[in-house]
Amino acid sequence: MEGKISEIFLNNMFECDGYTCHCEKDIENVAPGMSPKTTLKLYCELDKPLHFSYAPKVGLNLTGVAGGAIEKNILGKLLAIPDGDIDKHIEFFETYGFLLPIQSDEYESIDADVLIEIVNRIKSTLHLMNAIAGQKDYKRILIHTSYLLYTPQISLNLSEVEYRTCKHEFTELIESYNLFLDLNRNQEVFDSGKYSVPDTMTGCKNPIEIEFFNAVRSGADTNLVGSKSAWFKHLFAMYTGLTNTNENLRTIIDFFYHYQTEVGIFNEIQFKKITYYSTPTRDNFTDEMKNALLKIARIVISEEINHNIVGIHPKYEQDDLAPTWQVSNLLQALYFSIFYMKPGVEIYKECKNPNCKRDKFFLVKATRTNKEYCCPQCSGAAATQRFRNRQLDK
């Protein structure tokens, strides 16, 4: 932990209390050929209290009782945890406390994969906000939007609280919706062999060949590689059948239908990665699709944040006669920090110094496109390394 920065006092927008925690790691070899299962055993240390506060332009900080910052940029430190590295996750929680309230007199057992998934959703929400700020990064927008929408809801059961990740309406439907219209007596199908679907992206009705409709419904082969997958079948059932649903859901359905029929069908969606059944035709990613994707990204961000700050409420302090927010745990504080970020104005950037030991991710104005290092020391270290590399090349 860095030394106390006594000269910095924060104009706090909210505060949060917590405790450091102790963590043990249990590894169980479940069966031959299977990856070991890792379970974390944690308890909070009541003799080591923590106090967090949020200040504009600075972010979430670990602060002392007098308001001075002990460590800045806690959200940036969470972003800097190497993806999937459970030991680095443990280091973060032992320093800054666990995300949610845990017992002090007995262990709480937590599946490591579940914990990493929860952290990945925080990261993904923030990466998505960064991707739509300034110059749009549509590849990252697509990956993080799809990840948050397609990943099933998970739960974390603790002694004092049960936490569930945000479950978007689309998420539940893409996993199970399989209701296909009965078109046997449809006059349009009888006359033309097609069924027209009202489409929010095209602004008109999109005719679907009845042969294609029947093939997807029955799981037969089509000219689209991947059309027999469960995800695409459920998406197609929604596209052709859920024509009177709410506008946001319909926008999501229409976008993913057009993207996957014209660019490529999803095979697997992971944190920071999408794989396809065949090589995607990226030239077919139209401006109309990009505009729809931006709208969907904003929907997803708002739903993710609102879900995770729902327990926060305002209160009025009797001692100071001042308004404040009641933030109960570190998870709420992290999402509330994202809530207070100004979309399109502030973003988290990754320091270009590969050996950065300070703020690997730092908060900066979106317009500061030339700011590539978190601090002058990293800028100087990178410049020195470039000079050495040039000397070696001579």
Protein backbone atom coordinates (compact mmCIF):
# COMPACT_ATOMS: atom_id res chain seq x y z
CA MET A 1 0.00 0.00 0.00
CA GLU A 2 1.33 3.45 -0.89
CA GLY A 3 2.14 6.00 1.78
CA LYS A 4 -0.60 8.32 2.93
CA ILE A 5 -1.08 11.32 0.63
CA SER A 6 -1.93 13.71 3.45
CA GLU A 7 -2.03 16.80 1.27
CA ILE A 8 -4.97 15.54 -0.78
CA PHE A 9 -8.42 16.06 0.67
CA LEU A 10 -11.44 14.94 -1.24
CA ASN A 11 -14.69 16.61 -2.10
CA ASN A 12 -16.56 13.37 -1.56
CA MET A 13 -19.71 12.47 -3.47
CA PHE A 14 -20.20 9.25 -1.54
CA GLU A 15 -18.44 7.10 1.04
CA CYS A 16 -18.33 3.42 1.91
CA ASP A 17 -16.94 1.38 4.82
CA GLY A 18 -15.48 -2.10 4.73
CA TYR A 19 -12.81 -4.42 6.10
CA THR A 20 -9.81 -6.21 4.72
CA CYS A 21 -10.26 -9.94 4.34
CA HIS A 22 -8.19 -13.07 4.65
CA CYS A 23 -8.37 -15.67 1.90
CA GLU A 24 -7.33 -19.30 1.57
CA LYS A 25 -7.44 -21.21 -1.70
CA ASP A 26 -8.74 -24.80 -1.85
CA ILE A 27 -8.01 -26.76 -5.02
CA GLU A 28 -9.98 -29.96 -5.66
CA ASN A 29 -9.10 -32.45 -8.37
CA VAL A 30 -12.62 -33.46 -9.35
CA ALA A 31 -11.99 -36.16 -11.98
CA PRO A 32 -9.26 -37.35 -14.36
CA GLY A 33 -9.00 -35.14 -17.41
CA MET A 34 -11.02 -32.32 -15.82
CA SER A 35 -9.62 -28.99 -14.70
CA PRO A 36 -9.27 -28.66 -10.92
CA LYS A 37 -12.01 -26.75 -9.10
CA THR A 38 -10.80 -23.77 -7.08
CA THR A 39 -12.78 -22.61 -4.05
CA LEU A 40 -11.89 -19.53 -2.04
CA LYS A 41 -12.36 -19.50 1.73
CA LEU A 42 -12.66 -15.93 3.02
CA TYR A 43 -13.43 -14.08 6.22
CA CYS A 44 -13.34 -10.35 7.00
CA GLU A 45 -10.88 -8.88 9.51
CA LEU A 46 -12.83 -6.59 11.83
CA ASP A 47 -9.64 -5.18 13.33
CA LYS A 48 -8.64 -3.78 9.93
CA PRO A 49 -11.40 -1.37 8.85
CA LEU A 50 -11.35 0.41 5.50
CA HIS A 51 -12.97 3.64 4.35
CA PHE A 52 -13.60 4.55 0.72
CA SER A 53 -14.75 7.80 -0.83
CA TYR A 54 -15.40 9.04 -4.34
CA ALA A 55 -14.27 12.40 -5.67
CA PRO A 56 -14.82 13.94 -9.13
CA LYS A 57 -11.87 13.66 -11.56
CA VAL A 58 -10.11 11.37 -9.08
CA GLY A 59 -12.41 8.38 -8.72
CA LEU A 60 -12.84 5.90 -5.87
CA ASN A 61 -10.16 6.20 -3.20
CA LEU A 62 -9.11 4.47 -0.02
CA THR A 63 -9.12 7.31 2.51
CA GLY A 64 -8.18 8.01 6.11
CA VAL A 65 -10.50 9.16 8.86
CA ALA A 66 -9.57 12.81 8.22
CA GLY A 67 -10.44 12.57 4.53
CA GLY A 68 -6.92 12.28 3.14
CA ALA A 69 -6.35 9.80 0.31
CA ILE A 70 -4.27 6.75 1.24
CA GLU A 71 -4.63 5.14 -2.18
CA LYS A 72 -6.30 6.56 -5.25
CA ASN A 73 -8.02 4.95 -8.23
CA ILE A 74 -9.36 1.70 -6.73
CA LEU A 75 -11.49 1.04 -9.83
CA GLY A 76 -8.39 1.36 -12.01
CA LYS A 77 -6.62 -1.18 -9.80
CA LEU A 78 -9.50 -3.62 -10.29
CA LEU A 79 -9.24 -3.17 -14.06
CA ALA A 80 -5.52 -3.90 -13.86
CA ILE A 81 -6.06 -7.38 -12.34
CA PRO A 82 -4.86 -9.83 -15.03
CA ASP A 83 -7.87 -11.56 -16.57
CA GLY A 84 -8.54 -14.94 -14.97
CA ASP A 85 -5.61 -14.72 -12.53
CA ILE A 86 -7.23 -15.84 -9.29
CA ASP A 87 -4.11 -15.11 -7.20
CA LYS A 88 -4.15 -11.45 -8.30
CA HIS A 89 -7.86 -11.31 -7.51
CA ILE A 90 -7.06 -12.59 -4.02
CA GLU A 91 -4.40 -9.88 -3.59
CA PHE A 92 -6.95 -7.21 -4.49
CA PHE A 93 -9.56 -8.49 -2.02
CA GLU A 94 -7.07 -8.94 0.81
CA THR A 95 -5.99 -5.31 0.32
CA TYR A 96 -9.34 -3.61 -0.35
CA GLY A 97 -11.82 -6.05 1.16
CA PHE A 98 -14.34 -8.32 -0.49
CA LEU A 99 -17.03 -7.06 -2.86
CA LEU A 100 -19.88 -8.00 -0.51
CA PRO A 101 -20.33 -8.44 3.26
CA ILE A 102 -18.77 -11.67 4.57
CA GLN A 103 -18.55 -13.29 8.00
CA SER A 104 -15.75 -12.57 10.45
CA ASP A 105 -16.01 -15.70 12.61
CA GLU A 106 -16.25 -18.36 9.90
CA TYR A 107 -15.18 -18.95 6.32
CA GLU A 108 -17.34 -18.03 3.36
CA SER A 109 -16.89 -20.51 0.47
CA ILE A 110 -16.88 -18.94 -2.99
CA ASP A 111 -16.34 -20.61 -6.36
CA ALA A 112 -13.35 -18.90 -7.99
CA ASP A 113 -14.92 -19.05 -11.47
CA VAL A 114 -18.07 -17.30 -10.19
CA LEU A 115 -16.00 -14.58 -8.58
CA ILE A 116 -13.94 -14.00 -11.73
CA GLU A 117 -17.17 -13.79 -13.75
CA ILE A 118 -18.55 -11.08 -11.44
CA VAL A 119 -15.33 -9.07 -11.76
CA ASN A 120 -15.35 -9.56 -15.54
CA ARG A 121 -18.82 -8.01 -15.72
CA ILE A 122 -17.57 -4.92 -13.89
CA LYS A 123 -14.63 -4.71 -16.29
CA SER A 124 -16.83 -5.31 -19.31
CA THR A 125 -19.26 -2.55 -18.33
CA LEU A 126 -16.39 -0.11 -18.00
CA HIS A 127 -14.67 -1.25 -21.21
CA LEU A 128 -17.99 -0.77 -22.99
CA MET A 129 -18.29 2.79 -21.68
CA ASN A 130 -14.75 3.48 -22.87
CA ALA A 131 -15.45 1.99 -26.31
CA ILE A 132 -18.41 4.27 -27.02
CA ALA A 133 -16.56 7.42 -25.90
CA GLY A 134 -14.77 9.59 -28.42
CA GLN A 135 -13.73 7.65 -31.50
CA LYS A 136 -15.99 4.59 -31.46
CA ASP A 137 -14.36 1.16 -31.25
CA TYR A 138 -17.11 -0.98 -32.78
CA LYS A 139 -15.26 -4.26 -32.40
CA ARG A 140 -14.93 -3.76 -28.65
CA ILE A 141 -18.50 -2.45 -28.43
CA LEU A 142 -19.79 -5.62 -30.12
CA ILE A 143 -17.71 -7.95 -27.93
CA HIS A 144 -18.63 -6.40 -24.60
CA THR A 145 -22.29 -5.81 -25.48
CA SER A 146 -22.65 -9.42 -26.63
CA TYR A 147 -20.78 -10.73 -23.59
CA LEU A 148 -23.07 -8.91 -21.15
CA LEU A 149 -26.23 -9.92 -23.03
CA TYR A 150 -25.39 -13.55 -23.86
CA THR A 151 -23.71 -14.62 -20.60
CA PRO A 152 -26.21 -16.40 -18.31
CA GLN A 153 -27.01 -14.88 -14.94
CA ILE A 154 -24.93 -16.22 -12.07
CA SER A 155 -25.49 -16.02 -8.33
CA LEU A 156 -23.26 -15.79 -5.28
CA ASN A 157 -24.77 -17.06 -2.04
CA LEU A 158 -23.18 -15.70 1.12
CA SER A 159 -24.24 -15.88 4.75
CA GLU A 160 -25.57 -12.32 4.82
CA VAL A 161 -26.54 -11.68 1.22
CA GLU A 162 -27.41 -13.39 -2.05
CA TYR A 163 -26.09 -11.57 -5.10
CA ARG A 164 -27.20 -12.12 -8.69
CA THR A 165 -25.67 -10.53 -11.76
CA CYS A 166 -27.86 -8.42 -14.02
CA LYS A 167 -30.25 -10.52 -16.08
CA HIS A 168 -31.28 -8.66 -19.19
CA GLU A 169 -34.59 -9.63 -20.77
CA PHE A 170 -32.75 -10.73 -23.90
CA THR A 171 -30.43 -12.98 -21.85
CA GLU A 172 -33.26 -15.17 -20.63
CA LEU A 173 -34.88 -15.38 -24.05
CA ILE A 174 -31.71 -16.29 -25.97
CA GLU A 175 -31.25 -19.25 -23.65
CA SER A 176 -34.73 -20.69 -23.96
CA TYR A 177 -37.15 -18.99 -26.38
CA ASN A 178 -38.33 -21.61 -28.88
CA LEU A 179 -41.89 -20.62 -29.84
CA PHE A 180 -42.34 -20.57 -33.61
CA LEU A 181 -45.39 -19.12 -35.34
CA ASP A 182 -47.81 -21.47 -37.04
CA LEU A 183 -47.72 -20.19 -40.62
CA ASN A 184 -49.75 -22.99 -42.22
CA ARG A 185 -52.76 -20.71 -42.74
CA ASN A 186 -50.90 -17.47 -43.35
CA GLN A 187 -52.20 -15.85 -46.55
CA GLU A 188 -48.90 -14.15 -47.42
CA VAL A 189 -47.04 -17.46 -47.15
CA PHE A 190 -49.68 -19.14 -49.32
CA ASP A 191 -49.46 -16.43 -51.99
CA SER A 192 -45.68 -15.76 -52.09
CA GLY A 193 -43.88 -18.40 -50.05
CA LYS A 194 -42.59 -15.66 -47.77
CA TYR A 195 -43.42 -14.23 -44.34
CA SER A 196 -42.78 -10.51 -43.73
CA VAL A 197 -41.36 -9.41 -40.37
CA PRO A 198 -41.59 -5.76 -39.22
CA ASP A 199 -37.98 -4.65 -38.76
CA THR A 200 -36.74 -1.69 -36.72
CA MET A 201 -33.38 -1.55 -38.51
CA THR A 202 -34.70 -1.39 -42.05
CA GLY A 203 -37.83 0.57 -41.14
CA CYS A 204 -39.95 -1.76 -43.24
CA LYS A 205 -41.02 -5.40 -43.42
CA ASN A 206 -38.33 -8.00 -44.06
CA PRO A 207 -39.54 -11.00 -46.13
CA ILE A 208 -38.37 -14.39 -44.84
CA GLU A 209 -38.41 -17.39 -47.18
CA ILE A 210 -40.70 -20.08 -45.77
CA GLU A 211 -38.14 -22.76 -46.68
CA PHE A 212 -35.56 -21.02 -44.50
CA PHE A 213 -38.12 -20.58 -41.71
CA ASN A 214 -38.99 -24.28 -41.71
CA ALA A 215 -35.35 -25.36 -41.91
CA VAL A 216 -34.30 -23.31 -38.87
CA ARG A 217 -37.35 -24.43 -36.91
CA SER A 218 -36.67 -28.13 -37.62
CA GLY A 219 -32.89 -27.94 -37.30
CA ALA A 220 -32.25 -28.78 -40.96
CA ASP A 221 -29.31 -27.50 -43.01
CA THR A 222 -29.39 -24.01 -44.53
CA ASN A 223 -26.89 -21.93 -46.49
CA LEU A 224 -25.94 -20.17 -43.21
CA VAL A 225 -23.17 -21.94 -41.30
CA GLY A 226 -24.26 -22.19 -37.68
CA SER A 227 -28.01 -21.82 -38.27
CA LYS A 228 -28.61 -25.11 -36.44
CA SER A 229 -27.15 -23.77 -33.18
CA ALA A 230 -29.49 -23.26 -30.23
CA TRP A 231 -28.58 -19.59 -29.92
CA PHE A 232 -29.45 -18.82 -33.53
CA LYS A 233 -32.63 -20.89 -33.42
CA HIS A 234 -33.85 -18.99 -30.36
CA LEU A 235 -32.87 -15.66 -31.95
CA PHE A 236 -34.73 -16.54 -35.14
CA ALA A 237 -37.83 -17.55 -33.17
CA MET A 238 -37.72 -14.18 -31.39
CA TYR A 239 -37.15 -12.26 -34.63
CA THR A 240 -40.11 -13.84 -36.42
CA GLY A 241 -42.44 -14.11 -33.43
CA LEU A 242 -41.85 -11.31 -30.90
CA THR A 243 -42.98 -8.47 -33.12
CA ASN A 244 -45.07 -6.65 -30.49
CA THR A 245 -42.53 -6.49 -27.67
CA ASN A 246 -40.97 -3.34 -26.20
CA GLU A 247 -38.78 -1.13 -28.38
CA ASN A 248 -35.48 -1.80 -26.60
CA LEU A 249 -35.81 -5.57 -26.79
CA ARG A 250 -36.90 -5.42 -30.41
CA THR A 251 -33.88 -3.29 -31.30
CA ILE A 252 -31.60 -5.87 -29.71
CA ILE A 253 -33.30 -8.77 -31.50
CA ASP A 254 -33.25 -7.06 -34.89
CA PHE A 255 -29.58 -6.08 -34.58
CA PHE A 256 -28.34 -9.54 -33.66
CA TYR A 257 -30.49 -11.13 -36.36
CA HIS A 258 -29.10 -8.87 -39.09
CA TYR A 259 -25.54 -9.09 -37.80
CA GLN A 260 -25.55 -12.88 -37.65
CA THR A 261 -27.32 -13.47 -40.96
CA GLU A 262 -25.19 -10.92 -42.81
CA VAL A 263 -21.83 -10.96 -40.98
CA GLY A 264 -21.50 -14.24 -39.10
CA ILE A 265 -23.25 -16.50 -36.57
CA PHE A 266 -21.82 -16.60 -33.05
CA ASN A 267 -20.34 -19.88 -31.90
CA GLU A 268 -18.94 -18.86 -28.51
CA ILE A 269 -18.80 -15.60 -26.56
CA GLN A 270 -16.12 -15.11 -23.93
CA PHE A 271 -14.83 -12.11 -22.02
CA LYS A 272 -13.07 -10.00 -24.72
CA LYS A 273 -13.59 -12.58 -27.48
CA ILE A 274 -16.24 -13.81 -29.94
CA THR A 275 -15.77 -16.89 -32.12
CA TYR A 276 -17.90 -17.63 -35.19
CA TYR A 277 -19.00 -20.78 -37.02
CA SER A 278 -17.34 -19.44 -40.17
CA THR A 279 -15.12 -16.50 -41.05
CA PRO A 280 -17.26 -13.37 -40.53
CA THR A 281 -17.92 -11.09 -43.50
CA ARG A 282 -16.95 -7.89 -41.70
CA ASP A 283 -17.52 -5.71 -44.78
CA ASN A 284 -21.26 -6.35 -44.26
CA PHE A 285 -21.17 -4.55 -40.91
CA THR A 286 -23.18 -1.55 -42.09
CA ASP A 287 -23.64 1.93 -40.64
CA GLU A 288 -27.22 0.97 -39.76
CA MET A 289 -25.90 -1.94 -37.71
CA LYS A 290 -23.34 0.31 -36.01
CA ASN A 291 -26.01 2.85 -35.05
CA ALA A 292 -28.22 0.10 -33.64
CA LEU A 293 -25.26 -1.36 -31.74
CA LEU A 294 -24.53 2.01 -30.11
CA LYS A 295 -28.12 2.24 -28.94
CA ILE A 296 -27.97 -1.30 -27.55
CA ALA A 297 -24.66 -0.59 -25.78
CA ARG A 298 -26.27 2.33 -23.95
CA ILE A 299 -29.22 0.13 -22.96
CA VAL A 300 -26.89 -2.54 -21.60
CA ILE A 301 -24.72 -0.08 -19.66
CA SER A 302 -27.74 1.53 -18.02
CA GLU A 303 -29.26 -1.84 -17.06
CA GLU A 304 -25.97 -3.17 -15.67
CA ILE A 305 -25.37 -0.07 -13.54
CA ASN A 306 -28.96 0.31 -12.38
CA HIS A 307 -29.07 -3.34 -11.32
CA ASN A 308 -25.96 -2.96 -9.18
CA ILE A 309 -26.78 0.36 -7.50
CA VAL A 310 -30.41 -0.43 -6.72
CA GLY A 311 -29.63 -0.74 -2.98
CA ILE A 312 -28.05 2.71 -2.73
CA HIS A 313 -30.20 5.45 -1.25
CA PRO A 314 -29.73 9.06 -0.13
CA LYS A 315 -29.58 10.05 3.51
CA TYR A 316 -29.10 13.26 5.47
CA GLU A 317 -26.35 13.35 8.10
CA GLN A 318 -27.55 14.78 11.39
CA ASP A 319 -24.08 15.77 12.60
CA ASP A 320 -23.04 17.71 9.50
CA LEU A 321 -26.53 18.55 8.24
CA ALA A 322 -25.34 17.48 4.80
CA PRO A 323 -26.71 15.14 2.14
CA THR A 324 -24.86 11.93 1.30
CA TRP A 325 -25.45 8.45 -0.13
CA GLN A 326 -25.75 5.22 1.80
CA VAL A 327 -23.43 2.80 -0.02
CA SER A 328 -23.33 -0.57 1.69
CA ASN A 329 -20.47 -2.52 0.10
CA LEU A 330 -17.50 -2.34 -2.26
CA LEU A 331 -19.42 -3.79 -5.21
CA GLN A 332 -21.96 -0.97 -5.00
CA ALA A 333 -19.15 1.57 -4.63
CA LEU A 334 -17.40 0.31 -7.77
CA TYR A 335 -20.58 0.48 -9.87
CA PHE A 336 -21.49 3.85 -8.35
CA SER A 337 -18.06 5.07 -9.45
CA ILE A 338 -18.94 4.05 -13.01
CA PHE A 339 -22.34 5.74 -12.55
CA TYR A 340 -20.58 9.04 -11.79
CA MET A 341 -18.28 8.86 -14.81
CA LYS A 342 -19.27 11.28 -17.55
CA PRO A 343 -20.00 9.31 -20.75
CA GLY A 344 -17.93 10.63 -23.61
CA VAL A 345 -16.01 12.91 -21.23
CA GLU A 346 -14.04 10.56 -18.95
CA ILE A 347 -12.53 7.20 -19.82
CA TYR A 348 -10.06 4.75 -18.31
CA LYS A 349 -6.92 4.35 -20.42
CA GLU A 350 -4.26 1.67 -20.12
CA CYS A 351 -0.76 2.98 -19.47
CA LYS A 352 1.51 2.35 -22.46
CA ASN A 353 4.44 1.54 -20.19
CA PRO A 354 4.47 -2.31 -20.19
CA ASN A 355 6.26 -2.26 -16.82
CA CYS A 356 3.86 0.19 -15.16
CA LYS A 357 3.80 -0.29 -11.38
CA ARG A 358 1.49 2.62 -10.61
CA ASP A 359 -1.92 3.15 -12.25
CA LYS A 360 -2.03 0.62 -15.09
CA PHE A 361 -5.52 2.01 -15.83
CA PHE A 362 -6.02 5.70 -15.15
CA LEU A 363 -8.95 8.11 -15.44
CA VAL A 364 -8.52 10.78 -18.12
CA LYS A 365 -10.61 13.09 -20.28
CA ALA A 366 -11.77 11.36 -23.46
CA THR A 367 -10.38 14.25 -25.49
CA ARG A 368 -6.85 13.64 -24.18
CA THR A 369 -6.01 11.25 -27.01
CA ASN A 370 -2.30 12.07 -26.69
CA LYS A 371 -2.05 11.10 -23.01
CA GLU A 372 -0.64 7.58 -23.10
CA TYR A 373 1.04 7.26 -19.70
CA CYS A 374 -0.38 7.37 -16.20
CA CYS A 375 2.43 9.56 -14.86
CA PRO A 376 5.68 11.33 -15.87
CA GLN A 377 7.73 8.44 -14.42
CA CYS A 378 6.13 5.93 -16.80
CA SER A 379 6.52 8.30 -19.74
CA GLY A 380 10.21 8.72 -18.91
CA ALA A 381 10.75 4.98 -18.41
CA ALA A 382 9.14 4.22 -21.77
CA ALA A 383 11.25 6.87 -23.51
CA THR A 384 14.41 5.41 -21.94
CA GLN A 385 13.45 1.93 -23.11
CA ARG A 386 12.82 3.18 -26.66
CA PHE A 387 16.26 4.82 -26.66
CA ARG A 388 17.91 1.60 -25.50
CA ASN A 389 16.08 -0.38 -28.17
CA ARG A 390 17.33 2.01 -30.86
CA GLN A 391 20.89 1.66 -29.60
CA LEU A 392 20.65 -2.12 -29.76
CA ASP A 393 19.35 -1.95 -33.32
CA LYS A 394 22.37 -0.01 -34.55
